[in-house]
Protein backbone atom coordinates (compact mmCIF):
# COMPACT_ATOMS: atom_id res chain seq x y z
CA MET A 1 0.02 0.33 0.02
CA THR A 2 2.22 2.50 0.58
CA ALA A 3 4.32 2.10 -2.05
CA LEU A 4 1.60 2.01 -4.29
CA THR A 5 0.37 5.36 -2.91
CA LYS A 6 4.03 6.74 -2.57
CA ARG A 7 2.47 7.24 0.96
CA TYR A 8 6.64 8.13 1.79
CA GLY A 9 7.29 10.67 -0.82
CA SER A 10 7.04 13.74 0.50
CA SER A 11 8.41 14.23 4.11
CA PRO A 12 8.75 10.63 4.33
CA GLU A 13 10.84 10.65 8.47
CA THR A 14 6.83 12.89 9.19
CA VAL A 15 4.82 10.41 8.14
CA PHE A 16 7.04 7.59 9.19
CA ASP A 17 6.89 8.95 13.13
CA ARG A 18 3.40 9.10 12.40
CA ASP A 19 2.49 5.39 11.23
CA LEU A 20 5.12 4.62 13.93
CA ARG A 21 3.22 5.76 16.47
CA LEU A 22 -0.47 4.70 16.15
CA ILE A 23 2.13 1.23 15.19
CA ALA A 24 2.83 0.68 18.48
CA GLU A 25 -0.74 2.74 20.07
CA ASN A 26 -2.29 0.59 18.26
CA ASN A 27 -0.27 -3.01 19.16
CA GLU A 28 -0.95 -1.99 23.05
CA LYS A 29 -4.73 -1.90 22.49
CA ASN A 30 -4.84 -5.09 20.53
CA HIS A 31 -6.19 -3.90 17.64
CA LEU A 32 -3.40 -3.74 15.54
CA ALA A 33 -5.22 -5.48 12.49
CA GLU A 34 -8.14 -3.39 12.77
CA PHE A 35 -6.13 -0.68 12.50
CA PHE A 36 -3.55 -2.00 9.41
CA LYS A 37 -7.12 -3.22 7.65
CA GLU A 38 -8.40 -0.09 8.33
CA THR A 39 -5.50 2.28 7.01
CA ILE A 40 -5.24 0.74 3.92
CA ALA A 41 -9.54 0.20 3.15
CA GLN A 42 -8.67 4.75 3.76
CA ASN A 43 -5.73 4.91 0.81
CA LEU A 44 -6.45 2.17 -0.97
CA THR A 45 -10.54 2.85 -2.24
CA GLU A 46 -12.45 2.77 -5.84
CA GLU A 47 -11.10 5.95 -6.69
CA PHE A 48 -7.51 4.99 -6.04
CA TRP A 49 -8.31 2.07 -8.22
CA THR A 50 -10.32 3.14 -10.27
CA LEU A 51 -9.24 7.13 -11.22
CA THR A 52 -5.62 7.93 -9.62
CA LEU A 53 -3.62 4.90 -10.00
CA PRO A 54 -4.69 5.01 -14.36
CA GLU A 55 -3.92 8.72 -14.75
CA ASN A 56 -0.66 8.19 -11.90
CA LEU A 57 -0.13 4.93 -15.24
CA PHE A 58 -0.54 7.75 -17.59
CA ALA A 59 1.23 10.23 -16.68
CA GLN A 60 4.48 8.50 -15.18
CA THR A 61 4.79 5.39 -17.88
CA THR A 62 8.47 5.95 -18.05
CA GLN A 63 9.42 5.96 -14.71
CA LEU A 64 7.23 3.07 -13.65
CA THR A 65 8.77 -0.18 -14.67
CA ASP A 66 6.67 -3.65 -15.79
CA TRP A 67 7.73 -5.85 -12.31
CA ARG A 68 6.52 -1.75 -10.52
CA ILE A 69 2.36 -2.76 -12.59
CA PHE A 70 3.04 -6.52 -12.14
CA GLN A 71 2.73 -5.34 -8.97
CA ILE A 72 0.03 -3.27 -8.30
CA SER A 73 -1.58 -5.35 -10.79
CA GLN A 74 -1.44 -8.30 -8.11
CA ILE A 75 -2.37 -6.46 -5.09
CA HIS A 76 -5.23 -4.88 -6.87
CA ALA A 77 -6.46 -8.97 -7.55
CA LYS A 78 -5.79 -9.17 -4.04
CA THR A 79 -3.17 -12.04 -4.90
CA HIS A 80 -1.79 -14.23 -1.39
CA ALA A 81 2.19 -14.58 -2.12
């Protein structure tokens, strides 16, 4: 999810620090699985798959490798490694 959404692309330290704090808090409450599910659901929305990602693929095709596109398709298909 972080690679697809470029979650740590801008101000990575700030976002990473916040994520680590939230992970620690949710781990203490035994809500870690729910935290990850909610975070992923908030970021990988239907709009992301139908609008944002296709637009990014069109606009940035020179920056994406075949491997990256394969990974994106596997995540979208909910394929488990």
